[in-house]
Amino acid sequence: ANEVDTTIPDCANPGGAVQRTAEPGIVNRTFSGSGKF
């Protein structure tokens, strides 16, 4: 699944460390194979 960035800096402590957050976006389902025809 793609990651959708939901990171928001802390308004009460704008100089502090920013915690990265995300939620799932578009999902992907892929099957791959190889072999003898």
All heavy atoms as atom14 arrays in JSON, in Angstrom:
{
  "sequence": "ANEVDTTIPDCANPGGAVQRTAEPGIVNRTFSGSGKF",
  "atom14_mask": [
    [1, 1, 1, 1, 1, 0, 0, 0, 0, 0, 0, 0, 0, 0],
    [1, 1, 1, 1, 1, 1, 1, 1, 0, 0, 0, 0, 0, 0],
    [1, 1, 1, 1, 1, 1, 1, 1, 1, 0, 0, 0, 0, 0],
    [1, 1, 1, 1, 1, 1, 1, 0, 0, 0, 0, 0, 0, 0],
    [1, 1, 1, 1, 1, 1, 1, 1, 0, 0, 0, 0, 0, 0],
    [1, 1, 1, 1, 1, 1, 1, 0, 0, 0, 0, 0, 0, 0],
    [1, 1, 1, 1, 1, 1, 1, 0, 0, 0, 0, 0, 0, 0],
    [1, 1, 1, 1, 1, 1, 1, 1, 0, 0, 0, 0, 0, 0],
    [1, 1, 1, 1, 1, 1, 1, 0, 0, 0, 0, 0, 0, 0],
    [1, 1, 1, 1, 1, 1, 1, 1, 0, 0, 0, 0, 0, 0],
    [1, 1, 1, 1, 1, 1, 0, 0, 0, 0, 0, 0, 0, 0],
    [1, 1, 1, 1, 1, 0, 0, 0, 0, 0, 0, 0, 0, 0],
    [1, 1, 1, 1, 1, 1, 1, 1, 0, 0, 0, 0, 0, 0],
    [1, 1, 1, 1, 1, 1, 1, 0, 0, 0, 0, 0, 0, 0],
    [1, 1, 1, 1, 0, 0, 0, 0, 0, 0, 0, 0, 0, 0],
    [1, 1, 1, 1, 0, 0, 0, 0, 0, 0, 0, 0, 0, 0],
    [1, 1, 1, 1, 1, 0, 0, 0, 0, 0, 0, 0, 0, 0],
    [1, 1, 1, 1, 1, 1, 1, 0, 0, 0, 0, 0, 0, 0],
    [1, 1, 1, 1, 1, 1, 1, 1, 1, 0, 0, 0, 0, 0],
    [1, 1, 1, 1, 1, 1, 1, 1, 1, 1, 1, 0, 0, 0],
    [1, 1, 1, 1, 1, 1, 1, 0, 0, 0, 0, 0, 0, 0],
    [1, 1, 1, 1, 1, 0, 0, 0, 0, 0, 0, 0, 0, 0],
    [1, 1, 1, 1, 1, 1, 1, 1, 1, 0, 0, 0, 0, 0],
    [1, 1, 1, 1, 1, 1, 1, 0, 0, 0, 0, 0, 0, 0],
    [1, 1, 1, 1, 0, 0, 0, 0, 0, 0, 0, 0, 0, 0],
    [1, 1, 1, 1, 1, 1, 1, 1, 0, 0, 0, 0, 0, 0],
    [1, 1, 1, 1, 1, 1, 1, 0, 0, 0, 0, 0, 0, 0],
    [1, 1, 1, 1, 1, 1, 1, 1, 0, 0, 0, 0, 0, 0],
    [1, 1, 1, 1, 1, 1, 1, 1, 1, 1, 1, 0, 0, 0],
    [1, 1, 1, 1, 1, 1, 1, 0, 0, 0, 0, 0, 0, 0],
    [1, 1, 1, 1, 1, 1, 1, 1, 1, 1, 1, 0, 0, 0],
    [1, 1, 1, 1, 1, 1, 0, 0, 0, 0, 0, 0, 0, 0],
    [1, 1, 1, 1, 0, 0, 0, 0, 0, 0, 0, 0, 0, 0],
    [1, 1, 1, 1, 1, 1, 0, 0, 0, 0, 0, 0, 0, 0],
    [1, 1, 1, 1, 0, 0, 0, 0, 0, 0, 0, 0, 0, 0],
    [1, 1, 1, 1, 1, 1, 1, 1, 1, 0, 0, 0, 0, 0],
    [1, 1, 1, 1, 1, 1, 1, 1, 1, 1, 1, 0, 0, 0]
  ],
  "atom14_positions": [
    [[0.85, -1.18, 0.0], [0.0, 0.0, 0.0], [0.88, 1.24, 0.0], [1.95, 1.25, 0.62], [-0.92, 0.01, 1.21], [0.0, 0.0, 0.0], [0.0, 0.0, 0.0], [0.0, 0.0, 0.0], [0.0, 0.0, 0.0], [0.0, 0.0, 0.0], [0.0, 0.0, 0.0], [0.0, 0.0, 0.0], [0.0, 0.0, 0.0], [0.0, 0.0, 0.0]],
    [[0.45, 2.27, -0.72], [1.16, 3.54, -0.68], [1.0, 4.16, 0.7], [0.0, 3.93, 1.39], [0.6, 4.51, -1.72], [0.93, 4.1, -3.13], [1.82, 3.31, -3.37], [0.18, 4.64, -4.07], [0.0, 0.0, 0.0], [0.0, 0.0, 0.0], [0.0, 0.0, 0.0], [0.0, 0.0, 0.0], [0.0, 0.0, 0.0], [0.0, 0.0, 0.0]],
    [[1.98, 4.95, 1.09], [1.9, 5.67, 2.35], [1.42, 7.1, 2.07], [2.0, 7.8, 1.25], [3.26, 5.75, 3.02], [3.81, 4.42, 3.45], [5.18, 4.55, 4.1], [5.53, 5.65, 4.58], [5.89, 3.54, 4.12], [0.0, 0.0, 0.0], [0.0, 0.0, 0.0], [0.0, 0.0, 0.0], [0.0, 0.0, 0.0], [0.0, 0.0, 0.0]],
    [[0.38, 7.53, 2.78], [-0.11, 8.89, 2.69], [0.41, 9.62, 3.93], [0.09, 9.24, 5.06], [-1.65, 8.95, 2.63], [-2.13, 10.4, 2.63], [-2.15, 8.2, 1.41], [0.0, 0.0, 0.0], [0.0, 0.0, 0.0], [0.0, 0.0, 0.0], [0.0, 0.0, 0.0], [0.0, 0.0, 0.0], [0.0, 0.0, 0.0], [0.0, 0.0, 0.0]],
    [[1.24, 10.64, 3.72], [1.86, 11.37, 4.82], [0.81, 12.18, 5.59], [0.08, 12.97, 5.0], [2.95, 12.29, 4.28], [3.77, 12.96, 5.36], [3.52, 12.7, 6.56], [4.68, 13.74, 5.01], [0.0, 0.0, 0.0], [0.0, 0.0, 0.0], [0.0, 0.0, 0.0], [0.0, 0.0, 0.0], [0.0, 0.0, 0.0], [0.0, 0.0, 0.0]],
    [[0.73, 11.97, 6.88], [-0.2, 12.71, 7.74], [0.55, 13.48, 8.84], [-0.03, 13.85, 9.85], [-1.22, 11.76, 8.39], [-0.53, 10.77, 9.16], [-2.09, 11.08, 7.34], [0.0, 0.0, 0.0], [0.0, 0.0, 0.0], [0.0, 0.0, 0.0], [0.0, 0.0, 0.0], [0.0, 0.0, 0.0], [0.0, 0.0, 0.0], [0.0, 0.0, 0.0]],
    [[1.85, 13.7, 8.62], [2.7, 14.33, 9.62], [2.3, 15.79, 9.84], [2.15, 16.54, 8.88], [4.18, 14.28, 9.19], [4.51, 12.92, 8.92], [5.09, 14.85, 10.25], [0.0, 0.0, 0.0], [0.0, 0.0, 0.0], [0.0, 0.0, 0.0], [0.0, 0.0, 0.0], [0.0, 0.0, 0.0], [0.0, 0.0, 0.0], [0.0, 0.0, 0.0]],
    [[2.12, 16.16, 11.11], [1.83, 17.54, 11.5], [2.76, 17.9, 12.66], [2.79, 17.18, 13.67], [0.36, 17.71, 11.94], [-0.59, 17.33, 10.79], [0.1, 19.14, 12.42], [-2.04, 17.32, 11.18], [0.0, 0.0, 0.0], [0.0, 0.0, 0.0], [0.0, 0.0, 0.0], [0.0, 0.0, 0.0], [0.0, 0.0, 0.0], [0.0, 0.0, 0.0]],
    [[3.54, 19.0, 12.54], [4.38, 19.4, 13.65], [3.52, 19.75, 14.88], [2.38, 20.17, 14.76], [5.1, 20.64, 13.13], [4.98, 20.58, 11.64], [3.7, 19.86, 11.37], [0.0, 0.0, 0.0], [0.0, 0.0, 0.0], [0.0, 0.0, 0.0], [0.0, 0.0, 0.0], [0.0, 0.0, 0.0], [0.0, 0.0, 0.0], [0.0, 0.0, 0.0]],
    [[4.1, 19.54, 16.05], [3.42, 19.84, 17.31], [3.27, 21.36, 17.45], [4.27, 22.09, 17.55], [4.22, 19.26, 18.47], [3.53, 19.41, 19.8], [2.54, 20.17, 19.9], [3.99, 18.76, 20.76], [0.0, 0.0, 0.0], [0.0, 0.0, 0.0], [0.0, 0.0, 0.0], [0.0, 0.0, 0.0], [0.0, 0.0, 0.0], [0.0, 0.0, 0.0]],
    [[2.05, 21.87, 17.45], [1.81, 23.3, 17.55], [2.24, 23.87, 18.91], [2.65, 25.02, 19.01], [0.33, 23.61, 17.3], [-0.16, 23.3, 15.6], [0.0, 0.0, 0.0], [0.0, 0.0, 0.0], [0.0, 0.0, 0.0], [0.0, 0.0, 0.0], [0.0, 0.0, 0.0], [0.0, 0.0, 0.0], [0.0, 0.0, 0.0], [0.0, 0.0, 0.0]],
    [[2.14, 23.05, 19.96], [2.53, 23.51, 21.29], [4.04, 23.54, 21.46], [4.55, 24.29, 22.29], [1.9, 22.61, 22.36], [0.0, 0.0, 0.0], [0.0, 0.0, 0.0], [0.0, 0.0, 0.0], [0.0, 0.0, 0.0], [0.0, 0.0, 0.0], [0.0, 0.0, 0.0], [0.0, 0.0, 0.0], [0.0, 0.0, 0.0], [0.0, 0.0, 0.0]],
    [[4.76, 22.75, 20.68], [6.21, 22.69, 20.77], [6.8, 22.63, 19.36], [7.32, 21.61, 18.94], [6.65, 21.48, 21.6], [8.15, 21.42, 21.79], [8.86, 22.38, 21.53], [8.62, 20.27, 22.25], [0.0, 0.0, 0.0], [0.0, 0.0, 0.0], [0.0, 0.0, 0.0], [0.0, 0.0, 0.0], [0.0, 0.0, 0.0], [0.0, 0.0, 0.0]],
    [[6.72, 23.74, 18.58], [7.16, 23.72, 17.18], [8.64, 23.44, 16.99], [9.05, 23.01, 15.92], [6.79, 25.09, 16.64], [6.52, 25.94, 17.83], [6.2, 25.04, 18.98], [0.0, 0.0, 0.0], [0.0, 0.0, 0.0], [0.0, 0.0, 0.0], [0.0, 0.0, 0.0], [0.0, 0.0, 0.0], [0.0, 0.0, 0.0], [0.0, 0.0, 0.0]],
    [[9.46, 23.64, 18.01], [10.89, 23.38, 17.9], [11.26, 21.95, 18.23], [12.4, 21.53, 18.03], [0.0, 0.0, 0.0], [0.0, 0.0, 0.0], [0.0, 0.0, 0.0], [0.0, 0.0, 0.0], [0.0, 0.0, 0.0], [0.0, 0.0, 0.0], [0.0, 0.0, 0.0], [0.0, 0.0, 0.0], [0.0, 0.0, 0.0], [0.0, 0.0, 0.0]],
    [[10.33, 21.17, 18.72], [10.6, 19.79, 19.11], [10.68, 18.85, 17.93], [10.43, 19.22, 16.78], [0.0, 0.0, 0.0], [0.0, 0.0, 0.0], [0.0, 0.0, 0.0], [0.0, 0.0, 0.0], [0.0, 0.0, 0.0], [0.0, 0.0, 0.0], [0.0, 0.0, 0.0], [0.0, 0.0, 0.0], [0.0, 0.0, 0.0], [0.0, 0.0, 0.0]],
    [[11.04, 17.63, 18.23], [11.11, 16.6, 17.2], [9.74, 16.37, 16.59], [8.72, 16.4, 17.29], [11.64, 15.3, 17.79], [0.0, 0.0, 0.0], [0.0, 0.0, 0.0], [0.0, 0.0, 0.0], [0.0, 0.0, 0.0], [0.0, 0.0, 0.0], [0.0, 0.0, 0.0], [0.0, 0.0, 0.0], [0.0, 0.0, 0.0], [0.0, 0.0, 0.0]],
    [[9.72, 16.17, 15.29], [8.47, 15.92, 14.57], [8.33, 14.42, 14.35], [9.22, 13.79, 13.79], [8.44, 16.68, 13.22], [7.17, 16.36, 12.45], [8.59, 18.17, 13.44], [0.0, 0.0, 0.0], [0.0, 0.0, 0.0], [0.0, 0.0, 0.0], [0.0, 0.0, 0.0], [0.0, 0.0, 0.0], [0.0, 0.0, 0.0], [0.0, 0.0, 0.0]],
    [[7.22, 13.87, 14.82], [6.95, 12.45, 14.63], [6.28, 12.25, 13.28], [5.2, 12.8, 13.03], [6.04, 11.91, 15.73], [5.56, 10.48, 15.52], [6.7, 9.48, 15.56], [7.46, 9.45, 16.51], [6.8, 8.65, 14.52], [0.0, 0.0, 0.0], [0.0, 0.0, 0.0], [0.0, 0.0, 0.0], [0.0, 0.0, 0.0], [0.0, 0.0, 0.0]],
    [[6.91, 11.48, 12.42], [6.32, 11.18, 11.12], [5.16, 10.22, 11.34], [5.26, 9.24, 12.07], [7.35, 10.52, 10.2], [6.79, 10.24, 8.82], [7.8, 9.44, 7.98], [7.29, 9.17, 6.67], [6.39, 8.23, 6.37], [5.91, 7.46, 7.31], [5.99, 8.04, 5.13], [0.0, 0.0, 0.0], [0.0, 0.0, 0.0], [0.0, 0.0, 0.0]],
    [[4.04, 10.51, 10.68], [2.87, 9.63, 10.71], [2.38, 9.41, 9.28], [2.64, 10.22, 8.4], [1.73, 10.2, 11.58], [1.33, 11.46, 11.05], [2.18, 10.37, 13.03], [0.0, 0.0, 0.0], [0.0, 0.0, 0.0], [0.0, 0.0, 0.0], [0.0, 0.0, 0.0], [0.0, 0.0, 0.0], [0.0, 0.0, 0.0], [0.0, 0.0, 0.0]],
    [[1.66, 8.33, 9.09], [1.14, 8.01, 7.77], [-0.1, 7.15, 7.92], [-0.37, 6.6, 8.99], [2.18, 7.29, 6.93], [0.0, 0.0, 0.0], [0.0, 0.0, 0.0], [0.0, 0.0, 0.0], [0.0, 0.0, 0.0], [0.0, 0.0, 0.0], [0.0, 0.0, 0.0], [0.0, 0.0, 0.0], [0.0, 0.0, 0.0], [0.0, 0.0, 0.0]],
    [[-0.85, 7.05, 6.83], [-1.98, 6.12, 6.76], [-1.92, 5.44, 5.4], [-1.28, 5.94, 4.48], [-3.3, 6.83, 6.99], [-3.65, 7.89, 5.96], [-4.92, 8.65, 6.31], [-5.23, 8.78, 7.5], [-5.59, 9.1, 5.38], [0.0, 0.0, 0.0], [0.0, 0.0, 0.0], [0.0, 0.0, 0.0], [0.0, 0.0, 0.0], [0.0, 0.0, 0.0]],
    [[-2.58, 4.28, 5.29], [-2.51, 3.57, 4.0], [-3.27, 4.3, 2.9], [-4.33, 4.87, 3.14], [-3.14, 2.21, 4.31], [-3.94, 2.41, 5.55], [-3.32, 3.56, 6.29], [0.0, 0.0, 0.0], [0.0, 0.0, 0.0], [0.0, 0.0, 0.0], [0.0, 0.0, 0.0], [0.0, 0.0, 0.0], [0.0, 0.0, 0.0], [0.0, 0.0, 0.0]],
    [[-2.68, 4.25, 1.72], [-3.32, 4.83, 0.54], [-3.75, 3.73, -0.42], [-4.34, 2.74, -0.01], [0.0, 0.0, 0.0], [0.0, 0.0, 0.0], [0.0, 0.0, 0.0], [0.0, 0.0, 0.0], [0.0, 0.0, 0.0], [0.0, 0.0, 0.0], [0.0, 0.0, 0.0], [0.0, 0.0, 0.0], [0.0, 0.0, 0.0], [0.0, 0.0, 0.0]],
    [[-3.39, 3.89, -1.65], [-3.77, 2.93, -2.69], [-3.08, 1.6, -2.43], [-1.88, 1.55, -2.22], [-3.39, 3.47, -4.08], [-4.15, 4.76, -4.36], [-3.65, 2.42, -5.16], [-3.68, 5.48, -5.62], [0.0, 0.0, 0.0], [0.0, 0.0, 0.0], [0.0, 0.0, 0.0], [0.0, 0.0, 0.0], [0.0, 0.0, 0.0], [0.0, 0.0, 0.0]],
    [[-3.87, 0.52, -2.45], [-3.29, -0.82, -2.26], [-2.89, -1.4, -3.62], [-3.47, -1.05, -4.65], [-4.26, -1.78, -1.52], [-4.56, -1.26, -0.13], [-5.52, -2.0, -2.3], [0.0, 0.0, 0.0], [0.0, 0.0, 0.0], [0.0, 0.0, 0.0], [0.0, 0.0, 0.0], [0.0, 0.0, 0.0], [0.0, 0.0, 0.0], [0.0, 0.0, 0.0]],
    [[-1.9, -2.28, -3.59], [-1.39, -2.9, -4.8], [-1.34, -4.42, -4.58], [-0.85, -4.87, -3.54], [0.0, -2.36, -5.12], [0.56, -2.94, -6.4], [-0.16, -3.19, -7.36], [1.85, -3.17, -6.42], [0.0, 0.0, 0.0], [0.0, 0.0, 0.0], [0.0, 0.0, 0.0], [0.0, 0.0, 0.0], [0.0, 0.0, 0.0], [0.0, 0.0, 0.0]],
    [[-1.83, -5.17, -5.54], [-1.76, -6.63, -5.51], [-1.19, -7.06, -6.85], [-1.8, -6.84, -7.9], [-3.14, -7.27, -5.3], [-3.88, -6.77, -4.05], [-3.15, -7.17, -2.78], [-3.87, -6.78, -1.59], [-3.46, -5.81, -0.76], [-2.39, -5.11, -1.03], [-4.15, -5.54, 0.33], [0.0, 0.0, 0.0], [0.0, 0.0, 0.0], [0.0, 0.0, 0.0]],
    [[0.0, -7.68, -6.82], [0.69, -8.07, -8.04], [1.23, -9.48, -7.9], [1.87, -9.81, -6.9], [1.87, -7.11, -8.32], [1.38, -5.78, -8.35], [2.52, -7.42, -9.65], [0.0, 0.0, 0.0], [0.0, 0.0, 0.0], [0.0, 0.0, 0.0], [0.0, 0.0, 0.0], [0.0, 0.0, 0.0], [0.0, 0.0, 0.0], [0.0, 0.0, 0.0]],
    [[0.98, -10.32, -8.9], [1.54, -11.67, -8.97], [2.56, -11.68, -10.1], [2.27, -11.23, -11.21], [0.44, -12.7, -9.26], [0.95, -14.12, -9.32], [0.98, -14.9, -8.17], [1.41, -14.67, -10.5], [1.44, -16.21, -8.21], [1.88, -15.97, -10.56], [1.9, -16.75, -9.4], [0.0, 0.0, 0.0], [0.0, 0.0, 0.0], [0.0, 0.0, 0.0]],
    [[3.76, -12.18, -9.82], [4.79, -12.32, -10.85], [5.26, -13.76, -10.88], [5.32, -14.42, -9.84], [5.99, -11.42, -10.53], [5.61, -10.08, -10.54], [0.0, 0.0, 0.0], [0.0, 0.0, 0.0], [0.0, 0.0, 0.0], [0.0, 0.0, 0.0], [0.0, 0.0, 0.0], [0.0, 0.0, 0.0], [0.0, 0.0, 0.0], [0.0, 0.0, 0.0]],
    [[5.59, -14.22, -12.07], [6.09, -15.57, -12.19], [6.98, -15.73, -13.4], [6.89, -14.97, -14.36], [0.0, 0.0, 0.0], [0.0, 0.0, 0.0], [0.0, 0.0, 0.0], [0.0, 0.0, 0.0], [0.0, 0.0, 0.0], [0.0, 0.0, 0.0], [0.0, 0.0, 0.0], [0.0, 0.0, 0.0], [0.0, 0.0, 0.0], [0.0, 0.0, 0.0]],
    [[7.84, -16.73, -13.32], [8.69, -17.07, -14.46], [8.86, -18.57, -14.48], [8.69, -19.26, -13.47], [10.04, -16.36, -14.37], [10.74, -16.78, -13.23], [0.0, 0.0, 0.0], [0.0, 0.0, 0.0], [0.0, 0.0, 0.0], [0.0, 0.0, 0.0], [0.0, 0.0, 0.0], [0.0, 0.0, 0.0], [0.0, 0.0, 0.0], [0.0, 0.0, 0.0]],
    [[9.2, -19.07, -15.65], [9.4, -20.51, -15.77], [9.55, -20.94, -17.2], [9.9, -20.15, -18.07], [0.0, 0.0, 0.0], [0.0, 0.0, 0.0], [0.0, 0.0, 0.0], [0.0, 0.0, 0.0], [0.0, 0.0, 0.0], [0.0, 0.0, 0.0], [0.0, 0.0, 0.0], [0.0, 0.0, 0.0], [0.0, 0.0, 0.0], [0.0, 0.0, 0.0]],
    [[9.25, -22.2, -17.43], [9.34, -22.8, -18.76], [7.99, -22.67, -19.45], [6.96, -23.04, -18.89], [9.72, -24.28, -18.66], [11.01, -24.54, -17.92], [12.19, -23.9, -18.62], [13.48, -24.17, -17.88], [14.57, -23.35, -18.37], [0.0, 0.0, 0.0], [0.0, 0.0, 0.0], [0.0, 0.0, 0.0], [0.0, 0.0, 0.0], [0.0, 0.0, 0.0]],
    [[8.0, -22.1, -20.66], [6.74, -21.93, -21.38], [6.18, -23.29, -21.76], [6.87, -24.14, -22.33], [6.92, -21.07, -22.63], [5.63, -20.77, -23.31], [4.74, -19.86, -22.76], [5.28, -21.42, -24.48], [3.53, -19.59, -23.38], [4.08, -21.16, -25.1], [3.2, -20.24, -24.55], [0.0, 0.0, 0.0], [0.0, 0.0, 0.0], [0.0, 0.0, 0.0]]
  ]
}
